[in-house]
Amino acid sequence: MLNEFNQIPAGLLDLRADQLQAVLDRPTLIHLPGRRPEPLFVSVLLHGNETTGWDAIRQLLRQYAPGGGPLPLPRALSLFIGNVVAAARKVRRLEGQPDYNRVWPGCEEDSFAGDTPEHALMRRLVAIMAGRRVFASIDIHNNTGLNPHYACVNRLDNRHLQLAALFGRTLVYFTRPCGVQSIAMARLCPAVTLECGKTGQSLGAEHAMNYLNAALHLSELPNHPVAPQDIDLFHTVAIVKVPPEVHFSFDAPGADLDFPGDLERFNFRELPEGTLLACAKGGSIPLSVRDERDRDVTAHYLQAAHGEILTRRPLMPSMLTTDPNAVRQDCLCYFMERYQSHLPRELG
């Protein structure tokens, strides 16, 4: 299931994400030499319709010798190009296909120790990069909803936080969902996930490209604490999903669950208790809210009153979307809390 190359195939950087399948036909790992031998590992297109990572890497590599530019790479680079089949169809993943960012190793839950070809592929990738003494890992994504650009970490470790803070001041710490690239790679090296806004925005590609360029020029990652005043750290405490049997809509009353059409405006806003999130038929809450231990915490965060779903306590959502496909294939959103007091103070 894997192409593995030691150079960029001719003409590859001229192709859009939806054109890659014709040349690569499957997930591809490309190793490129640089002045420092320990490689930066970069993954793009784990979700086929999140193209900013590919756009950023195309811009970046054209500056350097492997992409036809005048300069050698300052550090070796291993580039993983993921779900090219889904990218050709401009979708997150195909129906019946596993999510490429839910099948990586390193999750203690039995359900993620899968035996699909995709699980085997990601285990192989981690083994390959372990053998190459990977320097750091960067996984690039887009949001479907209106969100700021932010970086995610899975360990509150100084080097991981330093790598994330290089992207911007907004950082998110999470341990669920499981089976994601950054959790797997965090066992080998500092690892981050970049969330670069909506697909197709040039600002997102430029931000990611500049970040990758800065990461390639690092000789090491500092192990001293990040100054608390330099970042805003949030912790993902719960994931919110619409159960498969629930019919939902956006500004179309009559469904089991009707969300406001401008729901995305709540992203990264601290919502007070009693904020209206949706209208629902009956007196129940037709949403599933699960915490990091996969416990049902719906009643802890939400309440139903007179056909309305309201927040029961102050909270901050992220990744709220009005894209029905994204809601079905992934989730409605995440709930977060401020986590500044948990920043490490001592050298780790």
C-alpha atoms as a PDB file:
ATOM      1  CA  MET A   1       0.000   0.000   0.000  1.00  0.00           C
ATOM      2  CA  LEU A   2       3.024   2.351   0.131  1.00  0.00           C
ATOM      3  CA  ASN A   3       5.207   4.009  -2.460  1.00  0.00           C
ATOM      4  CA  GLU A   4       8.610   4.920  -1.002  1.00  0.00           C
ATOM      5  CA  PHE A   5      10.893   7.244  -2.983  1.00  0.00           C
ATOM      6  CA  ASN A   6      14.213   9.003  -2.405  1.00  0.00           C
ATOM      7  CA  GLN A   7      13.395  11.900  -4.708  1.00  0.00           C
ATOM      8  CA  ILE A   8      10.366  13.867  -5.840  1.00  0.00           C
ATOM      9  CA  PRO A   9       8.728  12.240  -8.892  1.00  0.00           C
ATOM     10  CA  ALA A  10       9.023  14.452 -11.970  1.00  0.00           C
ATOM     11  CA  GLY A  11       6.266  17.032 -12.212  1.00  0.00           C
ATOM     12  CA  LEU A  12       4.703  16.150  -8.852  1.00  0.00           C
ATOM     13  CA  LEU A  13       4.946  19.660  -7.443  1.00  0.00           C
ATOM     14  CA  ASP A  14       2.966  20.985 -10.411  1.00  0.00           C
ATOM     15  CA  LEU A  15      -0.092  18.920  -9.443  1.00  0.00           C
ATOM     16  CA  ARG A  16      -3.042  19.927  -7.311  1.00  0.00           C
ATOM     17  CA  ALA A  17      -4.082  17.547  -4.555  1.00  0.00           C
ATOM     18  CA  ASP A  18      -6.935  16.157  -6.658  1.00  0.00           C
ATOM     19  CA  GLN A  19      -4.469  15.286  -9.453  1.00  0.00           C
ATOM     20  CA  LEU A  20      -2.009  13.267  -7.356  1.00  0.00           C
ATOM     21  CA  GLN A  21      -3.722   9.888  -7.673  1.00  0.00           C
ATOM     22  CA  ALA A  22      -2.951   9.711 -11.378  1.00  0.00           C
ATOM     23  CA  VAL A  23       0.797   9.770 -10.606  1.00  0.00           C
ATOM     24  CA  LEU A  24       1.087   8.210  -7.149  1.00  0.00           C
ATOM     25  CA  ASP A  25      -1.957   5.866  -7.081  1.00  0.00           C
ATOM     26  CA  ARG A  26      -1.435   5.128  -3.363  1.00  0.00           C
ATOM     27  CA  PRO A  27      -0.027   6.655  -0.145  1.00  0.00           C
ATOM     28  CA  THR A  28       3.556   7.780  -0.683  1.00  0.00           C
ATOM     29  CA  LEU A  29       6.578   8.423   1.521  1.00  0.00           C
ATOM     30  CA  ILE A  30       9.350  10.584   0.033  1.00  0.00           C
ATOM     31  CA  HIS A  31      12.745  10.915   1.733  1.00  0.00           C
ATOM     32  CA  LEU A  32      14.804  13.978   0.818  1.00  0.00           C
ATOM     33  CA  PRO A  33      18.367  14.640   2.036  1.00  0.00           C
ATOM     34  CA  GLY A  34      19.414  17.745   3.955  1.00  0.00           C
ATOM     35  CA  ARG A  35      22.422  19.190   5.749  1.00  0.00           C
ATOM     36  CA  ARG A  36      21.245  17.749   9.066  1.00  0.00           C
ATOM     37  CA  PRO A  37      20.506  14.028   8.683  1.00  0.00           C
ATOM     38  CA  GLU A  38      17.736  13.521  11.282  1.00  0.00           C
ATOM     39  CA  PRO A  39      14.583  14.156   9.240  1.00  0.00           C
ATOM     40  CA  LEU A  40      11.588  16.337   9.837  1.00  0.00           C
ATOM     41  CA  PHE A  41       8.530  14.134   9.212  1.00  0.00           C
ATOM     42  CA  VAL A  42       5.595  15.927   7.562  1.00  0.00           C
ATOM     43  CA  SER A  43       2.253  14.327   6.732  1.00  0.00           C
ATOM     44  CA  VAL A  44      -0.323  15.870   4.408  1.00  0.00           C
ATOM     45  CA  LEU A  45      -3.669  14.771   2.997  1.00  0.00           C
ATOM     46  CA  LEU A  46      -4.532  12.319   5.747  1.00  0.00           C
ATOM     47  CA  HIS A  47      -7.942  13.761   4.952  1.00  0.00           C
ATOM     48  CA  GLY A  48      -8.376  14.043   1.207  1.00  0.00           C
ATOM     49  CA  ASN A  49     -10.231  17.359   1.192  1.00  0.00           C
ATOM     50  CA  GLU A  50      -7.771  19.137   3.517  1.00  0.00           C
ATOM     51  CA  THR A  51      -5.309  20.387   0.934  1.00  0.00           C
ATOM     52  CA  THR A  52      -3.427  23.200   2.699  1.00  0.00           C
ATOM     53  CA  GLY A  53      -0.585  20.883   3.708  1.00  0.00           C
ATOM     54  CA  TRP A  54       0.071  19.833   0.125  1.00  0.00           C
ATOM     55  CA  ASP A  55      -0.152  23.440  -1.097  1.00  0.00           C
ATOM     56  CA  ALA A  56       2.337  24.514   1.591  1.00  0.00           C
ATOM     57  CA  ILE A  57       4.841  21.740   0.871  1.00  0.00           C
ATOM     58  CA  ARG A  58       4.735  22.507  -2.862  1.00  0.00           C
ATOM     59  CA  GLN A  59       5.640  26.151  -2.160  1.00  0.00           C
ATOM     60  CA  LEU A  60       8.335  25.140   0.290  1.00  0.00           C
ATOM     61  CA  LEU A  61      10.121  22.537  -1.819  1.00  0.00           C
ATOM     62  CA  ARG A  62      10.356  24.787  -4.881  1.00  0.00           C
ATOM     63  CA  GLN A  63      12.801  26.906  -2.842  1.00  0.00           C
ATOM     64  CA  TYR A  64      15.197  23.989  -2.346  1.00  0.00           C
ATOM     65  CA  ALA A  65      17.262  21.700  -4.528  1.00  0.00           C
ATOM     66  CA  PRO A  66      14.937  18.640  -4.347  1.00  0.00           C
ATOM     67  CA  GLY A  67      12.164  20.783  -5.867  1.00  0.00           C
ATOM     68  CA  GLY A  68      14.329  22.602  -8.408  1.00  0.00           C
ATOM     69  CA  GLY A  69      15.446  25.511  -6.209  1.00  0.00           C
ATOM     70  CA  PRO A  70      19.001  26.749  -5.611  1.00  0.00           C
ATOM     71  CA  LEU A  71      19.488  25.749  -1.969  1.00  0.00           C
ATOM     72  CA  PRO A  72      20.042  22.440  -0.197  1.00  0.00           C
ATOM     73  CA  LEU A  73      17.489  21.527   2.434  1.00  0.00           C
ATOM     74  CA  PRO A  74      18.766  22.608   5.866  1.00  0.00           C
ATOM     75  CA  ARG A  75      17.488  19.311   7.318  1.00  0.00           C
ATOM     76  CA  ALA A  76      16.421  16.006   5.804  1.00  0.00           C
ATOM     77  CA  LEU A  77      12.687  15.800   5.128  1.00  0.00           C
ATOM     78  CA  SER A  78      10.436  12.749   5.018  1.00  0.00           C
ATOM     79  CA  LEU A  79       7.101  13.632   3.418  1.00  0.00           C
ATOM     80  CA  PHE A  80       4.055  11.364   3.720  1.00  0.00           C
ATOM     81  CA  ILE A  81       1.276  12.031   1.204  1.00  0.00           C
ATOM     82  CA  GLY A  82      -1.781  10.197   2.528  1.00  0.00           C
ATOM     83  CA  ASN A  83      -5.222   9.568   1.075  1.00  0.00           C
ATOM     84  CA  VAL A  84      -4.715  10.453  -2.585  1.00  0.00           C
ATOM     85  CA  VAL A  85      -7.806   8.443  -3.589  1.00  0.00           C
ATOM     86  CA  ALA A  86     -10.044  10.603  -1.393  1.00  0.00           C
ATOM     87  CA  ALA A  87      -8.182  13.728  -2.540  1.00  0.00           C
ATOM     88  CA  ALA A  88      -9.042  12.900  -6.161  1.00  0.00           C
ATOM     89  CA  ARG A  89     -12.710  13.025  -5.168  1.00  0.00           C
ATOM     90  CA  LYS A  90     -12.272  16.039  -2.880  1.00  0.00           C
ATOM     91  CA  VAL A  91     -13.674  14.218   0.162  1.00  0.00           C
ATOM     92  CA  ARG A  92     -12.331  13.512   3.642  1.00  0.00           C
ATOM     93  CA  ARG A  93     -12.395   9.744   3.052  1.00  0.00           C
ATOM     94  CA  LEU A  94     -14.305   7.342   0.837  1.00  0.00           C
ATOM     95  CA  GLU A  95     -17.402   5.593   2.154  1.00  0.00           C
ATOM     96  CA  GLY A  96     -16.316   2.369   3.819  1.00  0.00           C
ATOM     97  CA  GLN A  97     -12.700   3.564   4.050  1.00  0.00           C
ATOM     98  CA  PRO A  98     -11.035   4.077   7.458  1.00  0.00           C
ATOM     99  CA  ASP A  99     -10.163   7.608   8.479  1.00  0.00           C
ATOM    100  CA  TYR A 100      -6.419   7.975   7.801  1.00  0.00           C
ATOM    101  CA  ASN A 101      -6.055   9.954  11.025  1.00  0.00           C
ATOM    102  CA  ARG A 102      -7.705   7.359  13.263  1.00  0.00           C
ATOM    103  CA  VAL A 103      -5.626   4.264  12.393  1.00  0.00           C
ATOM    104  CA  TRP A 104      -2.161   5.091  13.755  1.00  0.00           C
ATOM    105  CA  PRO A 105      -0.551   2.955  16.487  1.00  0.00           C
ATOM    106  CA  GLY A 106       0.023   4.012  20.068  1.00  0.00           C
ATOM    107  CA  CYS A 107      -3.560   3.868  21.311  1.00  0.00           C
ATOM    108  CA  GLU A 108      -4.232   1.634  24.279  1.00  0.00           C
ATOM    109  CA  GLU A 109      -7.817   0.910  23.206  1.00  0.00           C
ATOM    110  CA  ASP A 110      -8.281  -2.514  21.582  1.00  0.00           C
ATOM    111  CA  SER A 111     -10.564  -1.046  18.921  1.00  0.00           C
ATOM    112  CA  PHE A 112      -7.617   0.883  17.484  1.00  0.00           C
ATOM    113  CA  ALA A 113      -5.288  -2.097  17.222  1.00  0.00           C
ATOM    114  CA  GLY A 114      -6.923  -2.817  13.885  1.00  0.00           C
ATOM    115  CA  ASP A 115      -5.995  -5.336  11.222  1.00  0.00           C
ATOM    116  CA  THR A 116      -6.973  -3.264   8.175  1.00  0.00           C
ATOM    117  CA  PRO A 117      -4.370  -2.478   5.505  1.00  0.00           C
ATOM    118  CA  GLU A 118      -4.476   1.146   6.687  1.00  0.00           C
ATOM    119  CA  HIS A 119      -3.557   0.166  10.256  1.00  0.00           C
ATOM    120  CA  ALA A 120      -0.664  -1.916   8.925  1.00  0.00           C
ATOM    121  CA  LEU A 121       0.465   0.989   6.727  1.00  0.00           C
ATOM    122  CA  MET A 122       0.670   3.420   9.644  1.00  0.00           C
ATOM    123  CA  ARG A 123       2.531   0.899  11.816  1.00  0.00           C
ATOM    124  CA  ARG A 124       5.035   0.507   8.995  1.00  0.00           C
ATOM    125  CA  LEU A 125       5.447   4.273   8.666  1.00  0.00           C
ATOM    126  CA  VAL A 126       6.180   4.684  12.363  1.00  0.00           C
ATOM    127  CA  ALA A 127       8.758   1.880  12.202  1.00  0.00           C
ATOM    128  CA  ILE A 128      10.426   3.475   9.174  1.00  0.00           C
ATOM    129  CA  MET A 129      10.677   6.859  10.863  1.00  0.00           C
ATOM    130  CA  ALA A 130      11.938   5.331  14.107  1.00  0.00           C
ATOM    131  CA  GLY A 131      14.785   3.784  12.121  1.00  0.00           C
ATOM    132  CA  ARG A 132      15.624   7.190  10.658  1.00  0.00           C
ATOM    133  CA  ARG A 133      15.845   8.863  14.090  1.00  0.00           C
ATOM    134  CA  VAL A 134      13.159  11.396  13.255  1.00  0.00           C
ATOM    135  CA  PHE A 135      13.774  14.926  14.595  1.00  0.00           C
ATOM    136  CA  ALA A 136      10.163  16.143  14.841  1.00  0.00           C
ATOM    137  CA  SER A 137       6.764  15.436  13.321  1.00  0.00           C
ATOM    138  CA  ILE A 138       4.221  17.839  11.806  1.00  0.00           C
ATOM    139  CA  ASP A 139       0.751  16.772  10.611  1.00  0.00           C
ATOM    140  CA  ILE A 140      -1.115  19.442   8.617  1.00  0.00           C
ATOM    141  CA  HIS A 141      -4.913  19.739   8.545  1.00  0.00           C
ATOM    142  CA  ASN A 142      -7.780  22.102   7.779  1.00  0.00           C
ATOM    143  CA  ASN A 143     -11.004  22.847   9.650  1.00  0.00           C
ATOM    144  CA  THR A 144     -14.451  22.735   8.101  1.00  0.00           C
ATOM    145  CA  GLY A 145     -15.730  25.496  10.419  1.00  0.00           C
ATOM    146  CA  LEU A 146     -14.525  28.988  11.228  1.00  0.00           C
ATOM    147  CA  ASN A 147     -11.576  28.595  13.591  1.00  0.00           C
ATOM    148  CA  PRO A 148      -8.317  30.438  14.208  1.00  0.00           C
ATOM    149  CA  HIS A 149      -5.079  28.804  13.109  1.00  0.00           C
ATOM    150  CA  TYR A 150      -3.768  26.720  16.007  1.00  0.00           C
ATOM    151  CA  ALA A 151      -1.393  23.897  16.878  1.00  0.00           C
ATOM    152  CA  CYS A 152      -2.233  20.769  18.873  1.00  0.00           C
ATOM    153  CA  VAL A 153      -0.032  18.676  21.156  1.00  0.00           C
ATOM    154  CA  ASN A 154      -0.645  15.386  22.924  1.00  0.00           C
ATOM    155  CA  ARG A 155       2.042  15.742  25.586  1.00  0.00           C
ATOM    156  CA  LEU A 156       2.632  18.644  27.968  1.00  0.00           C
ATOM    157  CA  ASP A 157       6.354  18.424  27.390  1.00  0.00           C
ATOM    158  CA  ASN A 158       8.555  21.473  26.899  1.00  0.00           C
ATOM    159  CA  ARG A 159       9.925  20.447  23.486  1.00  0.00           C
ATOM    160  CA  HIS A 160       6.450  19.578  22.164  1.00  0.00           C
ATOM    161  CA  LEU A 161       5.116  22.912  23.401  1.00  0.00           C
ATOM    162  CA  GLN A 162       8.072  24.809  21.941  1.00  0.00           C
ATOM    163  CA  LEU A 163       7.435  23.204  18.541  1.00  0.00           C
ATOM    164  CA  ALA A 164       3.739  24.108  18.745  1.00  0.00           C
ATOM    165  CA  ALA A 165       4.340  27.687  19.912  1.00  0.00           C
ATOM    166  CA  LEU A 166       6.433  28.275  16.799  1.00  0.00           C
ATOM    167  CA  PHE A 167       3.118  28.179  14.864  1.00  0.00           C
ATOM    168  CA  GLY A 168       1.258  30.708  17.017  1.00  0.00           C
ATOM    169  CA  ARG A 169       0.003  31.509  20.506  1.00  0.00           C
ATOM    170  CA  THR A 170      -3.169  29.354  20.391  1.00  0.00           C
ATOM    171  CA  LEU A 171      -2.387  25.768  21.457  1.00  0.00           C
ATOM    172  CA  VAL A 172      -4.704  22.835  22.157  1.00  0.00           C
ATOM    173  CA  TYR A 173      -3.780  19.777  24.233  1.00  0.00           C
ATOM    174  CA  PHE A 174      -5.770  16.602  23.584  1.00  0.00           C
ATOM    175  CA  THR A 175      -5.542  12.866  24.203  1.00  0.00           C
ATOM    176  CA  ARG A 176      -8.684  11.882  22.254  1.00  0.00           C
ATOM    177  CA  PRO A 177      -9.565  11.011  19.550  1.00  0.00           C
ATOM    178  CA  CYS A 178      -7.216   8.070  19.573  1.00  0.00           C
ATOM    179  CA  GLY A 179      -5.314   6.656  16.616  1.00  0.00           C
ATOM    180  CA  VAL A 180      -4.111  10.027  15.325  1.00  0.00           C
ATOM    181  CA  GLN A 181      -0.723  10.653  13.725  1.00  0.00           C
ATOM    182  CA  SER A 182       0.585  13.004  16.389  1.00  0.00           C
ATOM    183  CA  ILE A 183      -0.072  10.587  19.273  1.00  0.00           C
ATOM    184  CA  ALA A 184       1.794   7.840  17.410  1.00  0.00           C
ATOM    185  CA  MET A 185       4.754  10.042  16.488  1.00  0.00           C
ATOM    186  CA  ALA A 186       4.971  11.603  19.967  1.00  0.00           C
ATOM    187  CA  ARG A 187       6.503   8.314  21.120  1.00  0.00           C
ATOM    188  CA  LEU A 188       9.472   9.040  18.853  1.00  0.00           C
ATOM    189  CA  CYS A 189       9.897  12.813  18.849  1.00  0.00           C
ATOM    190  CA  PRO A 190       8.162  16.141  19.481  1.00  0.00           C
ATOM    191  CA  ALA A 191       4.961  16.075  17.441  1.00  0.00           C
ATOM    192  CA  VAL A 192       2.280  18.618  16.557  1.00  0.00           C
ATOM    193  CA  THR A 193      -0.881  18.838  14.512  1.00  0.00           C
ATOM    194  CA  LEU A 194      -1.476  22.108  12.668  1.00  0.00           C
ATOM    195  CA  GLU A 195      -5.020  23.343  12.076  1.00  0.00           C
ATOM    196  CA  CYS A 196      -4.770  25.879   9.259  1.00  0.00           C
ATOM    197  CA  GLY A 197      -8.298  27.224   8.830  1.00  0.00           C
ATOM    198  CA  LYS A 198     -10.539  26.356   5.908  1.00  0.00           C
ATOM    199  CA  THR A 199      -9.303  24.611   2.789  1.00  0.00           C
ATOM    200  CA  GLY A 200      -8.377  26.826  -0.137  1.00  0.00           C
ATOM    201  CA  GLN A 201      -7.351  29.909   1.814  1.00  0.00           C
ATOM    202  CA  SER A 202      -3.956  31.192   0.695  1.00  0.00           C
ATOM    203  CA  LEU A 203      -3.207  32.542   4.182  1.00  0.00           C
ATOM    204  CA  GLY A 204      -3.358  29.014   5.605  1.00  0.00           C
ATOM    205  CA  ALA A 205      -0.907  27.640   3.045  1.00  0.00           C
ATOM    206  CA  GLU A 206       1.465  30.558   3.538  1.00  0.00           C
ATOM    207  CA  HIS A 207       1.350  30.179   7.331  1.00  0.00           C
ATOM    208  CA  ALA A 208       2.041  26.451   7.115  1.00  0.00           C
ATOM    209  CA  MET A 209       4.838  26.932   4.570  1.00  0.00           C
ATOM    210  CA  ASN A 210       6.605  29.536   6.711  1.00  0.00           C
ATOM    211  CA  TYR A 211       6.259  27.285   9.753  1.00  0.00           C
ATOM    212  CA  LEU A 212       7.717  24.278   7.936  1.00  0.00           C
ATOM    213  CA  ASN A 213      10.608  26.406   6.731  1.00  0.00           C
ATOM    214  CA  ALA A 214      11.319  27.567  10.279  1.00  0.00           C
ATOM    215  CA  ALA A 215      11.151  23.984  11.588  1.00  0.00           C
ATOM    216  CA  LEU A 216      13.639  22.805   8.957  1.00  0.00           C
ATOM    217  CA  HIS A 217      16.115  25.427  10.144  1.00  0.00           C
ATOM    218  CA  LEU A 218      15.976  24.378  13.807  1.00  0.00           C
ATOM    219  CA  SER A 219      19.178  22.787  15.048  1.00  0.00           C
ATOM    220  CA  GLU A 220      17.367  21.554  18.158  1.00  0.00           C
ATOM    221  CA  LEU A 221      14.155  22.084  20.090  1.00  0.00           C
ATOM    222  CA  PRO A 222      14.604  23.996  23.346  1.00  0.00           C
ATOM    223  CA  ASN A 223      13.825  22.079  26.508  1.00  0.00           C
ATOM    224  CA  HIS A 224      13.026  25.128  28.617  1.00  0.00           C
ATOM    225  CA  PRO A 225       9.442  26.038  29.547  1.00  0.00           C
ATOM    226  CA  VAL A 226       7.263  28.150  27.275  1.00  0.00           C
ATOM    227  CA  ALA A 227       6.460  31.486  28.903  1.00  0.00           C
ATOM    228  CA  PRO A 228       2.779  31.392  29.991  1.00  0.00           C
ATOM    229  CA  GLN A 229       2.183  34.913  28.672  1.00  0.00           C
ATOM    230  CA  ASP A 230       3.306  33.834  25.194  1.00  0.00           C
ATOM    231  CA  ILE A 231       0.573  31.245  24.579  1.00  0.00           C
ATOM    232  CA  ASP A 232      -3.082  30.472  25.212  1.00  0.00           C
ATOM    233  CA  LEU A 233      -3.335  26.777  26.091  1.00  0.00           C
ATOM    234  CA  PHE A 234      -6.630  24.890  25.965  1.00  0.00           C
ATOM    235  CA  HIS A 235      -7.484  21.299  26.842  1.00  0.00           C
ATOM    236  CA  THR A 236      -9.994  19.262  24.855  1.00  0.00           C
ATOM    237  CA  VAL A 237     -12.250  17.657  27.475  1.00  0.00           C
ATOM    238  CA  ALA A 238     -15.052  16.151  25.372  1.00  0.00           C
ATOM    239  CA  ILE A 239     -16.120  15.289  21.839  1.00  0.00           C
ATOM    240  CA  VAL A 240     -19.674  16.028  20.670  1.00  0.00           C
ATOM    241  CA  LYS A 241     -21.355  13.823  18.075  1.00  0.00           C
ATOM    242  CA  VAL A 242     -24.774  13.538  16.493  1.00  0.00           C
ATOM    243  CA  PRO A 243     -25.938   9.901  16.777  1.00  0.00           C
ATOM    244  CA  PRO A 244     -26.435   8.226  13.372  1.00  0.00           C
ATOM    245  CA  GLU A 245     -30.187   7.817  13.854  1.00  0.00           C
ATOM    246  CA  VAL A 246     -30.771  11.520  14.605  1.00  0.00           C
ATOM    247  CA  HIS A 247     -31.911  13.690  11.693  1.00  0.00           C
ATOM    248  CA  PHE A 248     -30.367  17.144  12.003  1.00  0.00           C
ATOM    249  CA  SER A 249     -30.384  20.408  10.079  1.00  0.00           C
ATOM    250  CA  PHE A 250     -29.034  23.945  10.133  1.00  0.00           C
ATOM    251  CA  ASP A 251     -31.708  26.670  10.214  1.00  0.00           C
ATOM    252  CA  ALA A 252     -34.339  24.252   8.868  1.00  0.00           C
ATOM    253  CA  PRO A 253     -36.899  23.625  11.646  1.00  0.00           C
ATOM    254  CA  GLY A 254     -38.625  20.268  11.509  1.00  0.00           C
ATOM    255  CA  ALA A 255     -35.633  18.005  11.987  1.00  0.00           C
ATOM    256  CA  ASP A 256     -35.036  16.097  15.216  1.00  0.00           C
ATOM    257  CA  LEU A 257     -32.235  18.531  15.930  1.00  0.00           C
ATOM    258  CA  ASP A 258     -31.935  22.001  14.393  1.00  0.00           C
ATOM    259  CA  PHE A 259     -28.768  24.054  14.834  1.00  0.00           C
ATOM    260  CA  PRO A 260     -28.427  27.788  14.133  1.00  0.00           C
ATOM    261  CA  GLY A 261     -26.994  28.464  10.688  1.00  0.00           C
ATOM    262  CA  ASP A 262     -24.264  30.624  12.221  1.00  0.00           C
ATOM    263  CA  LEU A 263     -23.224  28.019  14.807  1.00  0.00           C
ATOM    264  CA  GLU A 264     -19.568  28.354  13.791  1.00  0.00           C
ATOM    265  CA  ARG A 265     -19.385  31.784  15.413  1.00  0.00           C
ATOM    266  CA  PHE A 266     -19.071  30.028  18.795  1.00  0.00           C
ATOM    267  CA  ASN A 267     -15.682  28.482  17.972  1.00  0.00           C
ATOM    268  CA  PHE A 268     -12.972  29.478  20.468  1.00  0.00           C
ATOM    269  CA  ARG A 269     -15.455  31.665  22.361  1.00  0.00           C
ATOM    270  CA  GLU A 270     -16.020  31.115  26.065  1.00  0.00           C
ATOM    271  CA  LEU A 271     -19.762  30.511  26.235  1.00  0.00           C
ATOM    272  CA  PRO A 272     -21.675  31.212  29.446  1.00  0.00           C
ATOM    273  CA  GLU A 273     -24.120  28.802  31.035  1.00  0.00           C
ATOM    274  CA  GLY A 274     -27.461  28.880  29.241  1.00  0.00           C
ATOM    275  CA  THR A 275     -26.132  29.491  25.707  1.00  0.00           C
ATOM    276  CA  LEU A 276     -28.503  28.103  23.053  1.00  0.00           C
ATOM    277  CA  LEU A 277     -26.825  25.453  20.861  1.00  0.00           C
ATOM    278  CA  ALA A 278     -29.824  23.823  19.151  1.00  0.00           C
ATOM    279  CA  CYS A 279     -33.555  23.199  19.174  1.00  0.00           C
ATOM    280  CA  ALA A 280     -34.792  19.635  19.594  1.00  0.00           C
ATOM    281  CA  LYS A 281     -38.035  17.706  19.468  1.00  0.00           C
ATOM    282  CA  GLY A 282     -39.166  16.255  22.773  1.00  0.00           C
ATOM    283  CA  GLY A 283     -37.465  16.724  26.107  1.00  0.00           C
ATOM    284  CA  SER A 284     -34.291  14.749  25.504  1.00  0.00           C
ATOM    285  CA  ILE A 285     -30.810  15.782  24.314  1.00  0.00           C
ATOM    286  CA  PRO A 286     -30.199  13.997  20.983  1.00  0.00           C
ATOM    287  CA  LEU A 287     -26.425  14.503  21.180  1.00  0.00           C
ATOM    288  CA  SER A 288     -23.586  12.330  22.452  1.00  0.00           C
ATOM    289  CA  VAL A 289     -20.900  14.023  24.554  1.00  0.00           C
ATOM    290  CA  ARG A 290     -18.014  11.724  25.601  1.00  0.00           C
ATOM    291  CA  ASP A 291     -15.005  12.644  27.704  1.00  0.00           C
ATOM    292  CA  GLU A 292     -11.367  11.531  27.398  1.00  0.00           C
ATOM    293  CA  ARG A 293     -12.177   8.235  29.111  1.00  0.00           C
ATOM    294  CA  ASP A 294     -15.085   7.667  26.707  1.00  0.00           C
ATOM    295  CA  ARG A 295     -17.645   8.254  29.449  1.00  0.00           C
ATOM    296  CA  ASP A 296     -21.034   9.773  28.651  1.00  0.00           C
ATOM    297  CA  VAL A 297     -20.885  13.319  30.047  1.00  0.00           C
ATOM    298  CA  THR A 298     -23.767  14.802  28.052  1.00  0.00           C
ATOM    299  CA  ALA A 299     -25.719  15.815  31.147  1.00  0.00           C
ATOM    300  CA  HIS A 300     -22.611  17.422  32.649  1.00  0.00           C
ATOM    301  CA  TYR A 301     -22.283  19.921  29.794  1.00  0.00           C
ATOM    302  CA  LEU A 302     -25.783  20.249  28.293  1.00  0.00           C
ATOM    303  CA  GLN A 303     -29.372  20.634  29.438  1.00  0.00           C
ATOM    304  CA  ALA A 304     -32.766  20.545  27.694  1.00  0.00           C
ATOM    305  CA  ALA A 305     -35.445  23.116  28.434  1.00  0.00           C
ATOM    306  CA  HIS A 306     -38.618  23.831  26.452  1.00  0.00           C
ATOM    307  CA  GLY A 307     -37.306  22.265  23.271  1.00  0.00           C
ATOM    308  CA  GLU A 308     -33.913  23.990  23.471  1.00  0.00           C
ATOM    309  CA  ILE A 309     -30.459  22.501  24.063  1.00  0.00           C
ATOM    310  CA  LEU A 310     -28.482  24.820  26.323  1.00  0.00           C
ATOM    311  CA  THR A 311     -25.031  24.780  27.879  1.00  0.00           C
ATOM    312  CA  ARG A 312     -25.199  23.685  31.522  1.00  0.00           C
ATOM    313  CA  ARG A 313     -21.873  25.286  32.449  1.00  0.00           C
ATOM    314  CA  PRO A 314     -19.353  27.671  30.875  1.00  0.00           C
ATOM    315  CA  LEU A 315     -17.396  26.018  28.064  1.00  0.00           C
ATOM    316  CA  MET A 316     -15.470  26.742  24.872  1.00  0.00           C
ATOM    317  CA  PRO A 317     -16.213  24.852  21.621  1.00  0.00           C
ATOM    318  CA  SER A 318     -13.774  24.234  18.808  1.00  0.00           C
ATOM    319  CA  MET A 319     -14.219  22.867  15.289  1.00  0.00           C
ATOM    320  CA  LEU A 320     -17.969  23.523  15.213  1.00  0.00           C
ATOM    321  CA  THR A 321     -19.045  23.051  11.623  1.00  0.00           C
ATOM    322  CA  THR A 322     -22.169  23.422   9.512  1.00  0.00           C
ATOM    323  CA  ASP A 323     -20.930  20.842   6.990  1.00  0.00           C
ATOM    324  CA  PRO A 324     -23.279  17.824   7.361  1.00  0.00           C
ATOM    325  CA  ASN A 325     -20.724  15.407   5.877  1.00  0.00           C
ATOM    326  CA  ALA A 326     -18.071  16.494   8.370  1.00  0.00           C
ATOM    327  CA  VAL A 327     -20.555  16.053  11.221  1.00  0.00           C
ATOM    328  CA  ARG A 328     -21.384  12.519  10.072  1.00  0.00           C
ATOM    329  CA  GLN A 329     -17.831  11.407   9.283  1.00  0.00           C
ATOM    330  CA  ASP A 330     -16.164  13.016  12.300  1.00  0.00           C
ATOM    331  CA  CYS A 331     -18.038  15.076  14.892  1.00  0.00           C
ATOM    332  CA  LEU A 332     -20.025  18.239  15.531  1.00  0.00           C
ATOM    333  CA  CYS A 333     -17.324  19.818  17.706  1.00  0.00           C
ATOM    334  CA  TYR A 334     -15.096  19.516  20.766  1.00  0.00           C
ATOM    335  CA  PHE A 335     -15.500  21.167  24.161  1.00  0.00           C
ATOM    336  CA  MET A 336     -12.397  22.738  25.715  1.00  0.00           C
ATOM    337  CA  GLU A 337     -11.241  24.388  28.922  1.00  0.00           C
ATOM    338  CA  ARG A 338      -8.367  26.762  29.638  1.00  0.00           C
ATOM    339  CA  TYR A 339      -5.286  24.851  30.751  1.00  0.00           C
ATOM    340  CA  GLN A 340      -2.672  27.516  31.373  1.00  0.00           C
ATOM    341  CA  SER A 341      -1.983  26.387  34.944  1.00  0.00           C
ATOM    342  CA  HIS A 342      -0.869  22.962  33.669  1.00  0.00           C
ATOM    343  CA  LEU A 343       2.136  24.273  31.735  1.00  0.00           C
ATOM    344  CA  PRO A 344       5.356  22.511  32.846  1.00  0.00           C
ATOM    345  CA  ARG A 345       7.600  24.810  34.848  1.00  0.00           C
ATOM    346  CA  GLU A 346      10.647  22.600  35.259  1.00  0.00           C
ATOM    347  CA  LEU A 347      12.897  21.146  32.610  1.00  0.00           C
ATOM    348  CA  GLY A 348      11.453  17.834  31.404  1.00  0.00           C
END
